[in-house]
Amino acid sequence: PIDVVVGIDASRIRLESNGSEIGDWSNEECR
């Protein structure tokens, strides 16, 4: 397991761990 922070708004999702970005996707790119 890896501790992460998931950021969500109406059109995007952002995933980061220890201050480093793992991913940043729009609604069309992520489910």
All heavy atoms as atom14 arrays in JSON, in Angstrom:
{
  "sequence": "PIDVVVGIDASRIRLESNGSEIGDWSNEECR",
  "atom14_mask": [
    [1, 1, 1, 1, 1, 1, 1, 0, 0, 0, 0, 0, 0, 0],
    [1, 1, 1, 1, 1, 1, 1, 1, 0, 0, 0, 0, 0, 0],
    [1, 1, 1, 1, 1, 1, 1, 1, 0, 0, 0, 0, 0, 0],
    [1, 1, 1, 1, 1, 1, 1, 0, 0, 0, 0, 0, 0, 0],
    [1, 1, 1, 1, 1, 1, 1, 0, 0, 0, 0, 0, 0, 0],
    [1, 1, 1, 1, 1, 1, 1, 0, 0, 0, 0, 0, 0, 0],
    [1, 1, 1, 1, 0, 0, 0, 0, 0, 0, 0, 0, 0, 0],
    [1, 1, 1, 1, 1, 1, 1, 1, 0, 0, 0, 0, 0, 0],
    [1, 1, 1, 1, 1, 1, 1, 1, 0, 0, 0, 0, 0, 0],
    [1, 1, 1, 1, 1, 0, 0, 0, 0, 0, 0, 0, 0, 0],
    [1, 1, 1, 1, 1, 1, 0, 0, 0, 0, 0, 0, 0, 0],
    [1, 1, 1, 1, 1, 1, 1, 1, 1, 1, 1, 0, 0, 0],
    [1, 1, 1, 1, 1, 1, 1, 1, 0, 0, 0, 0, 0, 0],
    [1, 1, 1, 1, 1, 1, 1, 1, 1, 1, 1, 0, 0, 0],
    [1, 1, 1, 1, 1, 1, 1, 1, 0, 0, 0, 0, 0, 0],
    [1, 1, 1, 1, 1, 1, 1, 1, 1, 0, 0, 0, 0, 0],
    [1, 1, 1, 1, 1, 1, 0, 0, 0, 0, 0, 0, 0, 0],
    [1, 1, 1, 1, 1, 1, 1, 1, 0, 0, 0, 0, 0, 0],
    [1, 1, 1, 1, 0, 0, 0, 0, 0, 0, 0, 0, 0, 0],
    [1, 1, 1, 1, 1, 1, 0, 0, 0, 0, 0, 0, 0, 0],
    [1, 1, 1, 1, 1, 1, 1, 1, 1, 0, 0, 0, 0, 0],
    [1, 1, 1, 1, 1, 1, 1, 1, 0, 0, 0, 0, 0, 0],
    [1, 1, 1, 1, 0, 0, 0, 0, 0, 0, 0, 0, 0, 0],
    [1, 1, 1, 1, 1, 1, 1, 1, 0, 0, 0, 0, 0, 0],
    [1, 1, 1, 1, 1, 1, 1, 1, 1, 1, 1, 1, 1, 1],
    [1, 1, 1, 1, 1, 1, 0, 0, 0, 0, 0, 0, 0, 0],
    [1, 1, 1, 1, 1, 1, 1, 1, 0, 0, 0, 0, 0, 0],
    [1, 1, 1, 1, 1, 1, 1, 1, 1, 0, 0, 0, 0, 0],
    [1, 1, 1, 1, 1, 1, 1, 1, 1, 0, 0, 0, 0, 0],
    [1, 1, 1, 1, 1, 1, 0, 0, 0, 0, 0, 0, 0, 0],
    [1, 1, 1, 1, 1, 1, 1, 1, 1, 1, 1, 0, 0, 0]
  ],
  "atom14_positions": [
    [[0.84, -1.2, 0.0], [0.0, 0.0, 0.0], [0.88, 1.25, 0.0], [1.94, 1.29, 0.61], [-0.79, -0.11, 1.3], [0.04, -0.98, 2.18], [0.85, -1.88, 1.28], [0.0, 0.0, 0.0], [0.0, 0.0, 0.0], [0.0, 0.0, 0.0], [0.0, 0.0, 0.0], [0.0, 0.0, 0.0], [0.0, 0.0, 0.0], [0.0, 0.0, 0.0]],
    [[0.42, 2.26, -0.74], [1.14, 3.53, -0.83], [0.18, 4.63, -0.4], [-0.93, 4.73, -0.92], [1.63, 3.79, -2.27], [2.61, 2.69, -2.69], [2.26, 5.16, -2.39], [2.98, 2.75, -4.15], [0.0, 0.0, 0.0], [0.0, 0.0, 0.0], [0.0, 0.0, 0.0], [0.0, 0.0, 0.0], [0.0, 0.0, 0.0], [0.0, 0.0, 0.0]],
    [[0.6, 5.46, 0.57], [-0.23, 6.58, 1.01], [-0.32, 7.61, -0.1], [0.71, 7.99, -0.69], [0.36, 7.22, 2.27], [0.26, 6.32, 3.48], [-0.69, 5.51, 3.53], [1.13, 6.42, 4.36], [0.0, 0.0, 0.0], [0.0, 0.0, 0.0], [0.0, 0.0, 0.0], [0.0, 0.0, 0.0], [0.0, 0.0, 0.0], [0.0, 0.0, 0.0]],
    [[-1.55, 8.03, -0.4], [-1.78, 8.99, -1.47], [-2.8, 10.03, -1.04], [-3.52, 9.85, -0.05], [-2.3, 8.31, -2.77], [-1.25, 7.37, -3.35], [-3.6, 7.59, -2.54], [0.0, 0.0, 0.0], [0.0, 0.0, 0.0], [0.0, 0.0, 0.0], [0.0, 0.0, 0.0], [0.0, 0.0, 0.0], [0.0, 0.0, 0.0], [0.0, 0.0, 0.0]],
    [[-2.85, 11.11, -1.8], [-3.88, 12.12, -1.69], [-4.57, 12.19, -3.05], [-3.91, 12.34, -4.07], [-3.31, 13.49, -1.3], [-4.39, 14.55, -1.27], [-2.61, 13.42, 0.05], [0.0, 0.0, 0.0], [0.0, 0.0, 0.0], [0.0, 0.0, 0.0], [0.0, 0.0, 0.0], [0.0, 0.0, 0.0], [0.0, 0.0, 0.0], [0.0, 0.0, 0.0]],
    [[-5.88, 12.04, -3.05], [-6.67, 12.14, -4.27], [-7.41, 13.46, -4.23], [-8.12, 13.76, -3.26], [-7.68, 10.97, -4.39], [-8.57, 11.15, -5.6], [-6.95, 9.65, -4.47], [0.0, 0.0, 0.0], [0.0, 0.0, 0.0], [0.0, 0.0, 0.0], [0.0, 0.0, 0.0], [0.0, 0.0, 0.0], [0.0, 0.0, 0.0], [0.0, 0.0, 0.0]],
    [[-7.21, 14.27, -5.26], [-7.92, 15.53, -5.38], [-8.99, 15.4, -6.45], [-8.73, 14.91, -7.53], [0.0, 0.0, 0.0], [0.0, 0.0, 0.0], [0.0, 0.0, 0.0], [0.0, 0.0, 0.0], [0.0, 0.0, 0.0], [0.0, 0.0, 0.0], [0.0, 0.0, 0.0], [0.0, 0.0, 0.0], [0.0, 0.0, 0.0], [0.0, 0.0, 0.0]],
    [[-10.21, 15.84, -6.12], [-11.34, 15.69, -7.04], [-12.09, 17.0, -7.15], [-12.31, 17.68, -6.14], [-12.3, 14.6, -6.54], [-11.67, 13.24, -6.67], [-13.62, 14.64, -7.29], [-12.57, 12.12, -6.28], [0.0, 0.0, 0.0], [0.0, 0.0, 0.0], [0.0, 0.0, 0.0], [0.0, 0.0, 0.0], [0.0, 0.0, 0.0], [0.0, 0.0, 0.0]],
    [[-12.46, 17.38, -8.37], [-13.48, 18.4, -8.58], [-14.42, 17.9, -9.66], [-14.35, 16.72, -10.03], [-12.87, 19.78, -8.88], [-12.2, 19.88, -10.24], [-12.4, 18.99, -11.08], [-11.49, 20.86, -10.46], [0.0, 0.0, 0.0], [0.0, 0.0, 0.0], [0.0, 0.0, 0.0], [0.0, 0.0, 0.0], [0.0, 0.0, 0.0], [0.0, 0.0, 0.0]],
    [[-15.28, 18.72, -10.17], [-16.32, 18.26, -11.1], [-15.76, 17.77, -12.43], [-16.44, 17.06, -13.16], [-17.32, 19.38, -11.36], [0.0, 0.0, 0.0], [0.0, 0.0, 0.0], [0.0, 0.0, 0.0], [0.0, 0.0, 0.0], [0.0, 0.0, 0.0], [0.0, 0.0, 0.0], [0.0, 0.0, 0.0], [0.0, 0.0, 0.0], [0.0, 0.0, 0.0]],
    [[-14.53, 18.11, -12.77], [-14.02, 17.72, -14.09], [-12.66, 17.03, -14.07], [-12.2, 16.58, -15.1], [-13.93, 18.96, -14.99], [-13.01, 19.88, -14.43], [0.0, 0.0, 0.0], [0.0, 0.0, 0.0], [0.0, 0.0, 0.0], [0.0, 0.0, 0.0], [0.0, 0.0, 0.0], [0.0, 0.0, 0.0], [0.0, 0.0, 0.0], [0.0, 0.0, 0.0]],
    [[-12.01, 16.93, -12.93], [-10.64, 16.37, -12.88], [-10.45, 15.5, -11.65], [-11.15, 15.63, -10.66], [-9.6, 17.49, -12.83], [-9.65, 18.4, -14.03], [-8.37, 19.13, -14.28], [-7.26, 18.33, -14.7], [-7.1, 17.76, -15.89], [-8.04, 17.87, -16.78], [-6.04, 17.09, -16.2], [0.0, 0.0, 0.0], [0.0, 0.0, 0.0], [0.0, 0.0, 0.0]],
    [[-9.43, 14.65, -11.76], [-8.95, 13.9, -10.59], [-7.43, 13.96, -10.62], [-6.8, 13.84, -11.67], [-9.45, 12.44, -10.58], [-9.0, 11.73, -9.3], [-9.01, 11.68, -11.8], [-9.68, 10.42, -9.05], [0.0, 0.0, 0.0], [0.0, 0.0, 0.0], [0.0, 0.0, 0.0], [0.0, 0.0, 0.0], [0.0, 0.0, 0.0], [0.0, 0.0, 0.0]],
    [[-6.85, 14.2, -9.45], [-5.39, 14.3, -9.34], [-4.95, 13.34, -8.24], [-5.57, 13.27, -7.18], [-5.0, 15.72, -8.99], [-3.52, 15.92, -8.84], [-3.23, 17.37, -8.47], [-1.88, 17.53, -8.02], [-0.88, 17.9, -8.79], [-1.09, 18.19, -10.04], [0.33, 18.0, -8.3], [0.0, 0.0, 0.0], [0.0, 0.0, 0.0], [0.0, 0.0, 0.0]],
    [[-3.89, 12.61, -8.49], [-3.37, 11.62, -7.55], [-1.92, 11.95, -7.27], [-1.12, 12.1, -8.2], [-3.51, 10.23, -8.17], [-3.21, 9.01, -7.34], [-4.16, 8.92, -6.16], [-3.33, 7.76, -8.19], [0.0, 0.0, 0.0], [0.0, 0.0, 0.0], [0.0, 0.0, 0.0], [0.0, 0.0, 0.0], [0.0, 0.0, 0.0], [0.0, 0.0, 0.0]],
    [[-1.58, 12.08, -5.97], [-0.18, 12.35, -5.62], [0.21, 11.61, -4.35], [-0.64, 11.24, -3.54], [0.09, 13.84, -5.49], [-0.68, 14.55, -4.42], [-0.33, 16.03, -4.37], [-0.36, 16.71, -5.41], [-0.04, 16.5, -3.26], [0.0, 0.0, 0.0], [0.0, 0.0, 0.0], [0.0, 0.0, 0.0], [0.0, 0.0, 0.0], [0.0, 0.0, 0.0]],
    [[1.51, 11.38, -4.23], [2.06, 10.71, -3.06], [3.34, 11.41, -2.65], [4.21, 11.68, -3.49], [2.35, 9.24, -3.4], [2.92, 8.58, -2.28], [0.0, 0.0, 0.0], [0.0, 0.0, 0.0], [0.0, 0.0, 0.0], [0.0, 0.0, 0.0], [0.0, 0.0, 0.0], [0.0, 0.0, 0.0], [0.0, 0.0, 0.0], [0.0, 0.0, 0.0]],
    [[3.45, 11.73, -1.38], [4.62, 12.43, -0.84], [4.97, 13.68, -1.64], [6.13, 13.96, -1.91], [5.83, 11.5, -0.78], [5.63, 10.36, 0.18], [4.98, 10.52, 1.21], [6.18, 9.2, -0.15], [0.0, 0.0, 0.0], [0.0, 0.0, 0.0], [0.0, 0.0, 0.0], [0.0, 0.0, 0.0], [0.0, 0.0, 0.0], [0.0, 0.0, 0.0]],
    [[3.96, 14.42, -2.07], [4.17, 15.66, -2.8], [4.49, 15.48, -4.27], [4.64, 16.46, -4.99], [0.0, 0.0, 0.0], [0.0, 0.0, 0.0], [0.0, 0.0, 0.0], [0.0, 0.0, 0.0], [0.0, 0.0, 0.0], [0.0, 0.0, 0.0], [0.0, 0.0, 0.0], [0.0, 0.0, 0.0], [0.0, 0.0, 0.0], [0.0, 0.0, 0.0]],
    [[4.59, 14.24, -4.75], [4.88, 13.99, -6.16], [3.6, 13.56, -6.88], [2.86, 12.71, -6.39], [5.91, 12.87, -6.32], [7.12, 13.24, -5.71], [0.0, 0.0, 0.0], [0.0, 0.0, 0.0], [0.0, 0.0, 0.0], [0.0, 0.0, 0.0], [0.0, 0.0, 0.0], [0.0, 0.0, 0.0], [0.0, 0.0, 0.0], [0.0, 0.0, 0.0]],
    [[3.38, 14.14, -8.04], [2.19, 13.81, -8.82], [2.31, 12.43, -9.44], [3.3, 12.09, -10.06], [1.99, 14.85, -9.93], [0.76, 14.58, -10.77], [0.58, 15.6, -11.86], [0.39, 16.8, -11.54], [0.66, 15.2, -13.03], [0.0, 0.0, 0.0], [0.0, 0.0, 0.0], [0.0, 0.0, 0.0], [0.0, 0.0, 0.0], [0.0, 0.0, 0.0]],
    [[1.29, 11.62, -9.22], [1.21, 10.3, -9.86], [0.39, 10.41, -11.12], [0.69, 9.79, -12.13], [0.59, 9.27, -8.9], [1.49, 9.06, -7.69], [0.33, 7.95, -9.61], [0.91, 8.18, -6.61], [0.0, 0.0, 0.0], [0.0, 0.0, 0.0], [0.0, 0.0, 0.0], [0.0, 0.0, 0.0], [0.0, 0.0, 0.0], [0.0, 0.0, 0.0]],
    [[-0.66, 11.2, -11.08], [-1.51, 11.37, -12.25], [-2.43, 12.55, -12.1], [-2.78, 12.97, -11.0], [0.0, 0.0, 0.0], [0.0, 0.0, 0.0], [0.0, 0.0, 0.0], [0.0, 0.0, 0.0], [0.0, 0.0, 0.0], [0.0, 0.0, 0.0], [0.0, 0.0, 0.0], [0.0, 0.0, 0.0], [0.0, 0.0, 0.0], [0.0, 0.0, 0.0]],
    [[-2.83, 13.12, -13.24], [-3.79, 14.22, -13.3], [-4.61, 14.01, -14.56], [-4.09, 14.1, -15.66], [-3.05, 15.56, -13.34], [-3.98, 16.74, -13.22], [-5.21, 16.54, -13.13], [-3.49, 17.88, -13.22], [0.0, 0.0, 0.0], [0.0, 0.0, 0.0], [0.0, 0.0, 0.0], [0.0, 0.0, 0.0], [0.0, 0.0, 0.0], [0.0, 0.0, 0.0]],
    [[-5.9, 13.67, -14.38], [-6.72, 13.28, -15.51], [-8.03, 14.06, -15.54], [-8.57, 14.42, -14.5], [-7.06, 11.79, -15.44], [-5.87, 10.91, -15.33], [-5.02, 10.54, -16.32], [-5.38, 10.27, -14.14], [-4.04, 9.72, -15.83], [-4.24, 9.53, -14.49], [-5.81, 10.25, -12.82], [-3.52, 8.78, -13.58], [-5.09, 9.51, -11.9], [-3.96, 8.78, -12.28]],
    [[-8.57, 14.24, -16.74], [-9.9, 14.81, -16.9], [-10.93, 13.69, -16.82], [-10.58, 12.51, -16.8], [-10.0, 15.53, -18.24], [-9.98, 14.57, -19.3], [0.0, 0.0, 0.0], [0.0, 0.0, 0.0], [0.0, 0.0, 0.0], [0.0, 0.0, 0.0], [0.0, 0.0, 0.0], [0.0, 0.0, 0.0], [0.0, 0.0, 0.0], [0.0, 0.0, 0.0]],
    [[-12.2, 14.06, -16.81], [-13.27, 13.06, -16.79], [-13.17, 12.08, -17.96], [-13.5, 10.91, -17.81], [-14.64, 13.74, -16.85], [-15.1, 14.2, -15.5], [-14.51, 13.86, -14.49], [-16.16, 14.97, -15.49], [0.0, 0.0, 0.0], [0.0, 0.0, 0.0], [0.0, 0.0, 0.0], [0.0, 0.0, 0.0], [0.0, 0.0, 0.0], [0.0, 0.0, 0.0]],
    [[-12.77, 12.56, -19.1], [-12.69, 11.7, -20.28], [-11.55, 10.69, -20.19], [-11.56, 9.68, -20.86], [-12.51, 12.54, -21.55], [-13.7, 13.42, -21.89], [-13.73, 14.71, -21.08], [-12.65, 15.22, -20.71], [-14.84, 15.2, -20.81], [0.0, 0.0, 0.0], [0.0, 0.0, 0.0], [0.0, 0.0, 0.0], [0.0, 0.0, 0.0], [0.0, 0.0, 0.0]],
    [[-10.55, 10.96, -19.38], [-9.37, 10.11, -19.29], [-9.39, 9.15, -18.09], [-8.5, 8.31, -17.98], [-8.11, 10.98, -19.16], [-7.91, 11.94, -20.3], [-6.8, 12.93, -20.01], [-6.81, 13.56, -18.93], [-5.94, 13.08, -20.88], [0.0, 0.0, 0.0], [0.0, 0.0, 0.0], [0.0, 0.0, 0.0], [0.0, 0.0, 0.0], [0.0, 0.0, 0.0]],
    [[-10.35, 9.28, -17.21], [-10.32, 8.53, -15.95], [-11.73, 8.09, -15.58], [-12.7, 8.79, -15.85], [-9.74, 9.43, -14.86], [-9.65, 8.68, -13.24], [0.0, 0.0, 0.0], [0.0, 0.0, 0.0], [0.0, 0.0, 0.0], [0.0, 0.0, 0.0], [0.0, 0.0, 0.0], [0.0, 0.0, 0.0], [0.0, 0.0, 0.0], [0.0, 0.0, 0.0]],
    [[-11.82, 6.92, -14.95], [-13.07, 6.43, -14.39], [-12.84, 5.99, -12.96], [-11.76, 5.53, -12.63], [-13.6, 5.26, -15.19], [-14.01, 5.63, -16.57], [-14.54, 4.46, -17.29], [-14.81, 4.89, -18.65], [-15.68, 4.33, -19.42], [-16.36, 3.3, -19.0], [-15.89, 4.77, -20.63], [0.0, 0.0, 0.0], [0.0, 0.0, 0.0], [0.0, 0.0, 0.0]]
  ]
}
